[in-house]
Amino acid sequence: MKQSTSKMSGIVLQRDVPAILIPDGFPVLLKRGEQVDITQVLGGKFTVQATQGQLFRVEGHDADALGQEVPPMSRATQSASQGPLSEQVWHQLKQCYDPEIPVNVVELGLIYGCDLAKQPDGTQHVHVRMTLTAPGCGMGEVLRQDIEQELSALPGVSGVSVELVFDPPWDKSRMSEAARLQLGLV
């Protein structure tokens, strides 16, 4: 499930790299020569911490700026290519991680529902209902885009919509037992 949550310190950026400021969700440009620590590598994306303490998310295709190898582009055609599409969808949702918490959105309890609707051409449209750990979380749009990207990569999926809902509000009780154990909440 996880690629890496181990910290790598003292990484010097080898080029300017676009990033997203966590938790605000604002795009920024990290400059060549800046030093960062990699705090997690999950879902093919990097969470890095700057020397000032700010967290940023760097896309996997920009791994070279961190002196790292680019993670595989799509996991959709690897381990999820077997079984019913509904199972493949849930598998892909588990490839989407909160950039601050090393737990995927399913185990974190952010996914409230997922429906598939058959289209006239035989493909499926996937509708996901999800929430955020806090209504004002700036990473909501980023997580929504991650989910759309992961699910759109599945064969047979012709469209994806992600609806953000806040009723009922998220709380720690929505997390799986495995997630609570991983985070030391049990």
N, C-alpha and C. Protein backbone atom coordinates (compact mmCIF):
# COMPACT_ATOMS: atom_id res chain seq x y z
N MET A 1 0.82 -1.18 0.00
CA MET A 1 0.00 0.00 0.00
C MET A 1 0.87 1.25 0.00
N LYS A 2 1.89 1.31 0.79
CA LYS A 2 2.74 2.49 0.88
C LYS A 2 3.97 2.31 0.01
N GLN A 3 4.46 3.42 -0.56
CA GLN A 3 5.72 3.35 -1.25
C GLN A 3 6.85 3.68 -0.28
N SER A 4 6.73 4.78 0.46
CA SER A 4 7.76 5.15 1.40
C SER A 4 7.25 6.25 2.31
N THR A 5 7.49 6.08 3.58
CA THR A 5 7.19 7.17 4.50
C THR A 5 8.45 7.57 5.25
N SER A 6 9.59 7.01 4.86
CA SER A 6 10.83 7.35 5.56
C SER A 6 11.32 8.72 5.11
N LYS A 7 11.91 9.44 6.03
CA LYS A 7 12.36 10.80 5.77
C LYS A 7 13.77 10.78 5.17
N MET A 8 13.96 11.61 4.15
CA MET A 8 15.28 11.81 3.54
C MET A 8 15.62 13.27 3.73
N SER A 9 16.73 13.54 4.41
CA SER A 9 17.07 14.92 4.77
C SER A 9 18.14 15.50 3.87
N GLY A 10 18.13 16.82 3.80
CA GLY A 10 19.20 17.54 3.12
C GLY A 10 19.21 17.43 1.62
N ILE A 11 18.05 17.30 1.00
CA ILE A 11 17.96 17.22 -0.46
C ILE A 11 18.08 18.63 -1.01
N VAL A 12 19.01 18.85 -1.93
CA VAL A 12 19.18 20.15 -2.58
C VAL A 12 18.50 20.08 -3.94
N LEU A 13 17.56 21.00 -4.17
CA LEU A 13 16.81 21.00 -5.44
C LEU A 13 17.76 21.23 -6.61
N GLN A 14 17.66 20.36 -7.60
CA GLN A 14 18.55 20.41 -8.75
C GLN A 14 18.06 21.33 -9.85
N ARG A 15 16.80 21.77 -9.73
CA ARG A 15 16.22 22.73 -10.67
C ARG A 15 15.00 23.35 -10.00
N ASP A 16 14.50 24.46 -10.58
CA ASP A 16 13.25 25.02 -10.11
C ASP A 16 12.17 23.95 -10.31
N VAL A 17 11.24 23.87 -9.35
CA VAL A 17 10.21 22.84 -9.45
C VAL A 17 8.87 23.40 -8.96
N PRO A 18 7.80 23.19 -9.74
CA PRO A 18 6.48 23.59 -9.26
C PRO A 18 6.06 22.69 -8.10
N ALA A 19 5.37 23.29 -7.14
CA ALA A 19 4.91 22.54 -5.97
C ALA A 19 3.59 23.15 -5.51
N ILE A 20 2.97 22.49 -4.55
CA ILE A 20 1.74 22.98 -3.95
C ILE A 20 1.99 23.16 -2.46
N LEU A 21 1.68 24.34 -1.95
CA LEU A 21 1.85 24.64 -0.54
C LEU A 21 0.77 23.90 0.25
N ILE A 22 1.20 23.16 1.26
CA ILE A 22 0.30 22.39 2.12
C ILE A 22 0.16 23.15 3.44
N PRO A 23 -1.00 23.37 3.98
CA PRO A 23 -2.31 22.86 3.60
C PRO A 23 -3.13 23.82 2.76
N ASP A 24 -2.54 24.93 2.30
CA ASP A 24 -3.31 25.95 1.60
C ASP A 24 -3.75 25.57 0.20
N GLY A 25 -2.95 24.72 -0.47
CA GLY A 25 -3.29 24.31 -1.83
C GLY A 25 -2.85 25.29 -2.90
N PHE A 26 -2.03 26.29 -2.55
CA PHE A 26 -1.59 27.28 -3.53
C PHE A 26 -0.38 26.77 -4.30
N PRO A 27 -0.36 27.01 -5.63
CA PRO A 27 0.83 26.65 -6.40
C PRO A 27 1.98 27.60 -6.09
N VAL A 28 3.18 27.04 -6.00
CA VAL A 28 4.40 27.82 -5.75
C VAL A 28 5.52 27.26 -6.62
N LEU A 29 6.62 27.97 -6.66
CA LEU A 29 7.80 27.48 -7.37
C LEU A 29 8.94 27.40 -6.36
N LEU A 30 9.42 26.19 -6.12
CA LEU A 30 10.59 26.01 -5.26
C LEU A 30 11.81 26.21 -6.14
N LYS A 31 12.78 26.94 -5.63
CA LYS A 31 13.93 27.36 -6.44
C LYS A 31 15.10 26.39 -6.35
N ARG A 32 15.80 26.26 -7.47
CA ARG A 32 17.02 25.47 -7.55
C ARG A 32 17.97 25.89 -6.43
N GLY A 33 18.58 24.91 -5.78
CA GLY A 33 19.53 25.19 -4.72
C GLY A 33 18.92 25.21 -3.33
N GLU A 34 17.56 25.35 -3.25
CA GLU A 34 16.91 25.29 -1.94
C GLU A 34 17.09 23.89 -1.36
N GLN A 35 17.12 23.81 -0.05
CA GLN A 35 17.25 22.52 0.62
C GLN A 35 15.89 22.12 1.20
N VAL A 36 15.53 20.85 1.00
CA VAL A 36 14.27 20.31 1.53
C VAL A 36 14.53 18.93 2.12
N ASP A 37 13.61 18.50 2.94
CA ASP A 37 13.60 17.12 3.44
C ASP A 37 12.38 16.44 2.84
N ILE A 38 12.55 15.23 2.34
CA ILE A 38 11.40 14.46 1.86
C ILE A 38 10.79 13.78 3.07
N THR A 39 9.51 14.09 3.34
CA THR A 39 8.85 13.52 4.52
C THR A 39 8.02 12.29 4.17
N GLN A 40 7.52 12.21 2.93
CA GLN A 40 6.82 11.00 2.50
C GLN A 40 6.77 10.93 0.98
N VAL A 41 6.75 9.71 0.48
CA VAL A 41 6.60 9.44 -0.94
C VAL A 41 5.47 8.42 -1.03
N LEU A 42 4.30 8.89 -1.37
CA LEU A 42 3.12 8.04 -1.41
C LEU A 42 2.27 8.40 -2.62
N GLY A 43 1.65 7.39 -3.23
CA GLY A 43 0.79 7.65 -4.37
C GLY A 43 1.53 8.28 -5.53
N GLY A 44 2.84 8.04 -5.62
CA GLY A 44 3.62 8.59 -6.72
C GLY A 44 3.92 10.07 -6.58
N LYS A 45 3.73 10.62 -5.38
CA LYS A 45 3.95 12.03 -5.13
C LYS A 45 4.84 12.21 -3.91
N PHE A 46 5.53 13.33 -3.84
CA PHE A 46 6.45 13.61 -2.74
C PHE A 46 5.89 14.72 -1.86
N THR A 47 6.01 14.56 -0.55
CA THR A 47 5.78 15.65 0.38
C THR A 47 7.15 16.05 0.89
N VAL A 48 7.46 17.35 0.75
CA VAL A 48 8.76 17.84 1.18
C VAL A 48 8.56 18.97 2.19
N GLN A 49 9.55 19.11 3.06
CA GLN A 49 9.53 20.17 4.05
C GLN A 49 10.73 21.08 3.82
N ALA A 50 10.45 22.37 3.68
CA ALA A 50 11.51 23.35 3.49
C ALA A 50 12.17 23.66 4.82
N THR A 51 13.31 24.31 4.77
CA THR A 51 14.04 24.63 6.00
C THR A 51 13.24 25.55 6.91
N GLN A 52 12.30 26.33 6.36
CA GLN A 52 11.45 27.20 7.18
C GLN A 52 10.31 26.43 7.84
N GLY A 53 10.18 25.14 7.52
CA GLY A 53 9.15 24.31 8.13
C GLY A 53 7.91 24.12 7.29
N GLN A 54 7.76 24.85 6.20
CA GLN A 54 6.59 24.71 5.35
C GLN A 54 6.62 23.39 4.60
N LEU A 55 5.42 22.81 4.39
CA LEU A 55 5.28 21.58 3.62
C LEU A 55 4.82 21.89 2.21
N PHE A 56 5.32 21.10 1.25
CA PHE A 56 4.95 21.24 -0.15
C PHE A 56 4.75 19.86 -0.75
N ARG A 57 3.89 19.79 -1.75
CA ARG A 57 3.74 18.55 -2.51
C ARG A 57 4.37 18.75 -3.87
N VAL A 58 5.18 17.77 -4.26
CA VAL A 58 5.85 17.78 -5.56
C VAL A 58 5.36 16.55 -6.32
N GLU A 59 4.95 16.76 -7.56
CA GLU A 59 4.46 15.67 -8.39
C GLU A 59 5.58 14.69 -8.72
N GLY A 60 5.21 13.44 -8.90
CA GLY A 60 6.18 12.39 -9.19
C GLY A 60 7.00 12.63 -10.44
N HIS A 61 6.37 13.24 -11.47
CA HIS A 61 7.12 13.48 -12.71
C HIS A 61 8.22 14.53 -12.54
N ASP A 62 8.24 15.22 -11.39
CA ASP A 62 9.29 16.18 -11.08
C ASP A 62 10.33 15.61 -10.12
N ALA A 63 10.37 14.30 -9.98
CA ALA A 63 11.29 13.65 -9.04
C ALA A 63 12.74 14.00 -9.30
N ASP A 64 13.09 14.23 -10.56
CA ASP A 64 14.49 14.55 -10.88
C ASP A 64 14.96 15.81 -10.17
N ALA A 65 14.06 16.76 -9.92
CA ALA A 65 14.44 17.98 -9.20
C ALA A 65 14.88 17.66 -7.78
N LEU A 66 14.39 16.54 -7.25
CA LEU A 66 14.74 16.09 -5.90
C LEU A 66 15.88 15.08 -5.91
N GLY A 67 16.40 14.79 -7.09
CA GLY A 67 17.46 13.78 -7.20
C GLY A 67 16.93 12.37 -7.01
N GLN A 68 15.63 12.19 -7.29
CA GLN A 68 14.98 10.89 -7.11
C GLN A 68 14.55 10.34 -8.46
N GLU A 69 14.23 9.05 -8.47
CA GLU A 69 13.69 8.44 -9.68
C GLU A 69 12.21 8.74 -9.78
N VAL A 70 11.73 8.91 -11.01
CA VAL A 70 10.32 9.16 -11.24
C VAL A 70 9.55 7.88 -10.93
N PRO A 71 8.53 7.97 -10.05
CA PRO A 71 7.71 6.78 -9.76
C PRO A 71 6.95 6.35 -11.02
N PRO A 72 6.49 5.10 -11.08
CA PRO A 72 5.69 4.66 -12.24
C PRO A 72 4.52 5.61 -12.46
N MET A 73 4.23 5.91 -13.72
CA MET A 73 3.19 6.89 -14.04
C MET A 73 1.79 6.43 -13.67
N SER A 74 1.43 5.21 -14.01
CA SER A 74 0.07 4.76 -13.72
C SER A 74 0.08 3.39 -13.09
N ARG A 75 -0.59 3.30 -11.98
CA ARG A 75 -0.75 2.01 -11.34
C ARG A 75 -2.03 1.34 -11.80
N ALA A 76 -2.85 2.04 -12.60
CA ALA A 76 -4.15 1.53 -13.01
C ALA A 76 -4.03 0.25 -13.83
N THR A 77 -3.05 0.18 -14.69
CA THR A 77 -2.94 -0.98 -15.56
C THR A 77 -2.11 -2.09 -14.95
N GLN A 78 -1.56 -1.86 -13.77
CA GLN A 78 -0.74 -2.88 -13.13
C GLN A 78 -1.60 -3.82 -12.30
N SER A 79 -1.73 -3.56 -11.02
CA SER A 79 -2.41 -4.50 -10.14
C SER A 79 -3.92 -4.38 -10.14
N ALA A 80 -4.48 -3.33 -10.70
CA ALA A 80 -5.93 -3.16 -10.65
C ALA A 80 -6.62 -3.67 -11.90
N SER A 81 -5.88 -4.19 -12.87
CA SER A 81 -6.47 -4.53 -14.15
C SER A 81 -7.30 -5.81 -14.14
N GLN A 82 -7.42 -6.44 -13.00
CA GLN A 82 -8.22 -7.65 -12.92
C GLN A 82 -9.38 -7.43 -11.97
N GLY A 83 -10.45 -8.18 -12.19
CA GLY A 83 -11.60 -8.09 -11.32
C GLY A 83 -12.62 -7.08 -11.82
N PRO A 84 -13.76 -7.04 -11.16
CA PRO A 84 -14.82 -6.11 -11.57
C PRO A 84 -14.36 -4.66 -11.47
N LEU A 85 -14.93 -3.82 -12.31
CA LEU A 85 -14.54 -2.42 -12.34
C LEU A 85 -14.75 -1.76 -10.98
N SER A 86 -15.79 -2.13 -10.26
CA SER A 86 -16.02 -1.52 -8.95
C SER A 86 -14.85 -1.79 -8.01
N GLU A 87 -14.28 -2.99 -8.05
CA GLU A 87 -13.09 -3.30 -7.23
C GLU A 87 -11.88 -2.52 -7.70
N GLN A 88 -11.73 -2.38 -9.00
CA GLN A 88 -10.61 -1.61 -9.55
C GLN A 88 -10.70 -0.15 -9.11
N VAL A 89 -11.92 0.39 -9.08
CA VAL A 89 -12.12 1.78 -8.66
C VAL A 89 -11.67 1.96 -7.22
N TRP A 90 -12.09 1.05 -6.34
CA TRP A 90 -11.70 1.16 -4.93
C TRP A 90 -10.19 0.99 -4.77
N HIS A 91 -9.60 0.11 -5.56
CA HIS A 91 -8.14 -0.05 -5.54
C HIS A 91 -7.46 1.26 -5.91
N GLN A 92 -7.95 1.91 -6.95
CA GLN A 92 -7.33 3.17 -7.40
C GLN A 92 -7.54 4.28 -6.38
N LEU A 93 -8.68 4.30 -5.71
CA LEU A 93 -8.90 5.32 -4.68
C LEU A 93 -7.86 5.18 -3.57
N LYS A 94 -7.42 3.96 -3.32
CA LYS A 94 -6.42 3.73 -2.28
C LYS A 94 -5.02 4.17 -2.72
N GLN A 95 -4.88 4.64 -3.96
CA GLN A 95 -3.61 5.18 -4.44
C GLN A 95 -3.52 6.69 -4.21
N CYS A 96 -4.59 7.28 -3.66
CA CYS A 96 -4.64 8.72 -3.40
C CYS A 96 -4.39 8.96 -1.92
N TYR A 97 -3.38 9.77 -1.62
CA TYR A 97 -2.95 9.99 -0.25
C TYR A 97 -3.09 11.44 0.16
N ASP A 98 -3.44 11.64 1.42
CA ASP A 98 -3.38 12.97 2.01
C ASP A 98 -1.90 13.34 2.08
N PRO A 99 -1.51 14.53 1.61
CA PRO A 99 -0.09 14.88 1.60
C PRO A 99 0.52 15.13 2.98
N GLU A 100 -0.32 15.30 4.00
CA GLU A 100 0.19 15.54 5.35
C GLU A 100 0.17 14.28 6.21
N ILE A 101 -0.73 13.38 5.87
CA ILE A 101 -0.94 12.18 6.68
C ILE A 101 -0.64 10.96 5.81
N PRO A 102 0.24 10.06 6.24
CA PRO A 102 0.61 8.93 5.38
C PRO A 102 -0.45 7.82 5.33
N VAL A 103 -1.68 8.23 5.00
CA VAL A 103 -2.80 7.29 4.92
C VAL A 103 -3.60 7.65 3.67
N ASN A 104 -4.05 6.62 2.94
CA ASN A 104 -4.82 6.90 1.72
C ASN A 104 -6.22 7.39 2.09
N VAL A 105 -6.89 8.02 1.12
CA VAL A 105 -8.18 8.66 1.38
C VAL A 105 -9.27 7.69 1.79
N VAL A 106 -9.17 6.43 1.36
CA VAL A 106 -10.17 5.42 1.76
C VAL A 106 -9.99 5.07 3.23
N GLU A 107 -8.77 4.70 3.62
CA GLU A 107 -8.51 4.32 5.01
C GLU A 107 -8.69 5.51 5.96
N LEU A 108 -8.46 6.71 5.45
CA LEU A 108 -8.65 7.91 6.25
C LEU A 108 -10.14 8.21 6.49
N GLY A 109 -11.00 7.56 5.70
CA GLY A 109 -12.44 7.75 5.87
C GLY A 109 -12.99 8.95 5.13
N LEU A 110 -12.28 9.41 4.12
CA LEU A 110 -12.73 10.58 3.37
C LEU A 110 -13.72 10.23 2.26
N ILE A 111 -13.78 8.97 1.86
CA ILE A 111 -14.68 8.57 0.77
C ILE A 111 -16.00 8.12 1.38
N TYR A 112 -17.05 8.86 1.07
CA TYR A 112 -18.38 8.54 1.62
C TYR A 112 -19.18 7.62 0.70
N GLY A 113 -18.82 7.59 -0.57
CA GLY A 113 -19.53 6.71 -1.49
C GLY A 113 -18.95 6.78 -2.88
N CYS A 114 -19.25 5.74 -3.66
CA CYS A 114 -18.75 5.66 -5.03
C CYS A 114 -19.78 4.88 -5.85
N ASP A 115 -20.27 5.49 -6.91
CA ASP A 115 -21.27 4.85 -7.77
C ASP A 115 -20.77 4.81 -9.20
N LEU A 116 -21.11 3.74 -9.90
CA LEU A 116 -20.78 3.60 -11.31
C LEU A 116 -22.08 3.64 -12.10
N ALA A 117 -22.08 4.39 -13.20
CA ALA A 117 -23.25 4.49 -14.06
C ALA A 117 -22.85 4.09 -15.48
N LYS A 118 -23.52 3.06 -16.00
CA LYS A 118 -23.21 2.58 -17.34
C LYS A 118 -23.66 3.62 -18.37
N GLN A 119 -22.78 3.90 -19.31
CA GLN A 119 -23.04 4.86 -20.38
C GLN A 119 -23.52 4.12 -21.63
N PRO A 120 -24.18 4.83 -22.56
CA PRO A 120 -24.69 4.17 -23.77
C PRO A 120 -23.62 3.45 -24.58
N ASP A 121 -22.37 3.92 -24.50
CA ASP A 121 -21.29 3.27 -25.26
C ASP A 121 -20.68 2.07 -24.53
N GLY A 122 -21.24 1.72 -23.36
CA GLY A 122 -20.75 0.56 -22.60
C GLY A 122 -19.71 0.90 -21.55
N THR A 123 -19.19 2.13 -21.57
CA THR A 123 -18.24 2.54 -20.55
C THR A 123 -18.98 2.93 -19.27
N GLN A 124 -18.23 3.28 -18.26
CA GLN A 124 -18.82 3.66 -16.98
C GLN A 124 -18.41 5.08 -16.60
N HIS A 125 -19.34 5.79 -15.99
CA HIS A 125 -19.04 7.07 -15.36
C HIS A 125 -18.98 6.80 -13.86
N VAL A 126 -17.92 7.29 -13.22
CA VAL A 126 -17.73 7.07 -11.78
C VAL A 126 -18.03 8.38 -11.05
N HIS A 127 -18.90 8.28 -10.05
CA HIS A 127 -19.23 9.43 -9.21
C HIS A 127 -18.78 9.12 -7.79
N VAL A 128 -17.89 9.96 -7.26
CA VAL A 128 -17.34 9.77 -5.91
C VAL A 128 -17.85 10.89 -5.02
N ARG A 129 -18.31 10.52 -3.83
CA ARG A 129 -18.66 11.49 -2.80
C ARG A 129 -17.56 11.42 -1.74
N MET A 130 -16.94 12.56 -1.50
CA MET A 130 -15.85 12.58 -0.53
C MET A 130 -15.95 13.82 0.34
N THR A 131 -15.26 13.76 1.46
CA THR A 131 -15.19 14.89 2.37
C THR A 131 -13.73 15.21 2.63
N LEU A 132 -13.50 16.17 3.47
CA LEU A 132 -12.15 16.56 3.88
C LEU A 132 -12.08 16.49 5.39
N THR A 133 -10.88 16.43 5.92
CA THR A 133 -10.74 16.38 7.38
C THR A 133 -11.22 17.68 8.02
N ALA A 134 -11.22 18.77 7.26
CA ALA A 134 -11.75 20.05 7.73
C ALA A 134 -12.36 20.78 6.52
N PRO A 135 -13.53 21.40 6.68
CA PRO A 135 -14.18 22.05 5.54
C PRO A 135 -13.32 23.09 4.82
N GLY A 136 -12.46 23.79 5.52
CA GLY A 136 -11.63 24.82 4.90
C GLY A 136 -10.31 24.33 4.35
N CYS A 137 -10.10 23.02 4.30
CA CYS A 137 -8.82 22.46 3.84
C CYS A 137 -8.53 22.90 2.41
N GLY A 138 -7.41 23.54 2.21
CA GLY A 138 -7.02 24.01 0.89
C GLY A 138 -6.61 22.91 -0.06
N MET A 139 -6.42 21.70 0.43
CA MET A 139 -5.98 20.59 -0.42
C MET A 139 -7.16 19.85 -1.07
N GLY A 140 -8.38 20.30 -0.82
CA GLY A 140 -9.56 19.64 -1.39
C GLY A 140 -9.51 19.51 -2.89
N GLU A 141 -9.17 20.59 -3.57
CA GLU A 141 -9.11 20.56 -5.03
C GLU A 141 -7.98 19.65 -5.51
N VAL A 142 -6.89 19.63 -4.80
CA VAL A 142 -5.76 18.78 -5.15
C VAL A 142 -6.16 17.31 -5.02
N LEU A 143 -6.80 16.95 -3.92
CA LEU A 143 -7.26 15.57 -3.73
C LEU A 143 -8.30 15.19 -4.78
N ARG A 144 -9.19 16.12 -5.10
CA ARG A 144 -10.21 15.85 -6.13
C ARG A 144 -9.54 15.54 -7.46
N GLN A 145 -8.53 16.33 -7.82
CA GLN A 145 -7.81 16.09 -9.08
C GLN A 145 -7.06 14.75 -9.05
N ASP A 146 -6.47 14.41 -7.91
CA ASP A 146 -5.80 13.11 -7.79
C ASP A 146 -6.77 11.97 -8.07
N ILE A 147 -7.94 12.05 -7.47
CA ILE A 147 -8.95 10.99 -7.64
C ILE A 147 -9.39 10.92 -9.09
N GLU A 148 -9.67 12.06 -9.70
CA GLU A 148 -10.07 12.06 -11.11
C GLU A 148 -8.99 11.44 -11.99
N GLN A 149 -7.74 11.78 -11.74
CA GLN A 149 -6.62 11.25 -12.53
C GLN A 149 -6.50 9.74 -12.36
N GLU A 150 -6.55 9.25 -11.13
CA GLU A 150 -6.41 7.81 -10.88
C GLU A 150 -7.54 7.02 -11.52
N LEU A 151 -8.78 7.50 -11.35
CA LEU A 151 -9.92 6.74 -11.86
C LEU A 151 -10.05 6.85 -13.37
N SER A 152 -9.69 7.97 -13.94
CA SER A 152 -9.76 8.14 -15.39
C SER A 152 -8.79 7.22 -16.12
N ALA A 153 -7.74 6.77 -15.44
CA ALA A 153 -6.75 5.88 -16.04
C ALA A 153 -7.26 4.45 -16.19
N LEU A 154 -8.37 4.13 -15.55
CA LEU A 154 -8.89 2.76 -15.62
C LEU A 154 -9.55 2.50 -16.97
N PRO A 155 -9.26 1.34 -17.58
CA PRO A 155 -9.95 0.97 -18.82
C PRO A 155 -11.45 0.83 -18.54
N GLY A 156 -12.25 1.37 -19.43
CA GLY A 156 -13.70 1.27 -19.28
C GLY A 156 -14.34 2.43 -18.54
N VAL A 157 -13.52 3.36 -18.03
CA VAL A 157 -14.06 4.54 -17.36
C VAL A 157 -14.02 5.70 -18.35
N SER A 158 -15.21 6.27 -18.62
CA SER A 158 -15.28 7.37 -19.59
C SER A 158 -15.44 8.73 -18.93
N GLY A 159 -15.69 8.74 -17.63
CA GLY A 159 -15.84 10.01 -16.95
C GLY A 159 -15.80 9.82 -15.45
N VAL A 160 -15.36 10.87 -14.76
CA VAL A 160 -15.28 10.83 -13.30
C VAL A 160 -15.76 12.17 -12.77
N SER A 161 -16.62 12.12 -11.76
CA SER A 161 -17.00 13.34 -11.05
C SER A 161 -16.78 13.10 -9.57
N VAL A 162 -16.25 14.12 -8.92
CA VAL A 162 -15.98 14.03 -7.48
C VAL A 162 -16.75 15.14 -6.81
N GLU A 163 -17.64 14.76 -5.91
CA GLU A 163 -18.48 15.71 -5.18
C GLU A 163 -17.96 15.84 -3.75
N LEU A 164 -17.65 17.06 -3.35
CA LEU A 164 -17.24 17.31 -1.98
C LEU A 164 -18.48 17.52 -1.12
N VAL A 165 -18.59 16.74 -0.05
CA VAL A 165 -19.72 16.85 0.87
C VAL A 165 -19.18 17.01 2.29
N PHE A 166 -19.96 17.66 3.12
CA PHE A 166 -19.51 17.89 4.50
C PHE A 166 -20.54 17.46 5.53
N ASP A 167 -21.53 16.70 5.07
CA ASP A 167 -22.55 16.18 5.97
C ASP A 167 -22.66 14.68 5.73
N PRO A 168 -22.34 13.86 6.69
CA PRO A 168 -21.92 14.23 8.04
C PRO A 168 -20.46 14.70 8.04
N PRO A 169 -20.11 15.53 9.03
CA PRO A 169 -18.73 16.00 9.11
C PRO A 169 -17.77 14.84 9.41
N TRP A 170 -16.56 14.95 8.88
CA TRP A 170 -15.54 13.93 9.12
C TRP A 170 -15.05 14.04 10.56
N ASP A 171 -14.78 12.87 11.17
CA ASP A 171 -14.07 12.83 12.45
C ASP A 171 -13.24 11.55 12.46
N LYS A 172 -12.39 11.41 13.45
CA LYS A 172 -11.45 10.28 13.51
C LYS A 172 -12.13 8.92 13.54
N SER A 173 -13.37 8.87 13.95
CA SER A 173 -14.08 7.58 14.00
C SER A 173 -14.31 7.01 12.60
N ARG A 174 -14.21 7.84 11.56
CA ARG A 174 -14.39 7.37 10.18
C ARG A 174 -13.16 6.64 9.65
N MET A 175 -12.03 6.77 10.33
CA MET A 175 -10.81 6.12 9.90
C MET A 175 -10.90 4.62 10.13
N SER A 176 -10.26 3.85 9.26
CA SER A 176 -10.20 2.41 9.47
C SER A 176 -9.34 2.11 10.70
N GLU A 177 -9.51 0.93 11.24
CA GLU A 177 -8.70 0.54 12.39
C GLU A 177 -7.22 0.52 12.02
N ALA A 178 -6.92 0.06 10.80
CA ALA A 178 -5.53 0.02 10.34
C ALA A 178 -4.93 1.42 10.30
N ALA A 179 -5.70 2.40 9.84
CA ALA A 179 -5.21 3.78 9.78
C ALA A 179 -4.99 4.33 11.19
N ARG A 180 -5.92 4.05 12.09
CA ARG A 180 -5.76 4.54 13.47
C ARG A 180 -4.53 3.90 14.11
N LEU A 181 -4.31 2.61 13.84
CA LEU A 181 -3.11 1.93 14.36
C LEU A 181 -1.85 2.56 13.79
N GLN A 182 -1.83 2.79 12.47
CA GLN A 182 -0.66 3.36 11.81
C GLN A 182 -0.31 4.73 12.37
N LEU A 183 -1.33 5.50 12.73
CA LEU A 183 -1.11 6.85 13.25
C LEU A 183 -1.01 6.92 14.76
N GLY A 184 -1.05 5.74 15.42
CA GLY A 184 -0.92 5.69 16.87
C GLY A 184 -2.13 6.21 17.61
N LEU A 185 -3.32 6.09 17.00
CA LEU A 185 -4.53 6.58 17.64
C LEU A 185 -5.33 5.49 18.33
N VAL A 186 -4.78 4.28 18.40
CA VAL A 186 -5.47 3.15 19.07
C VAL A 186 -4.72 2.79 20.33
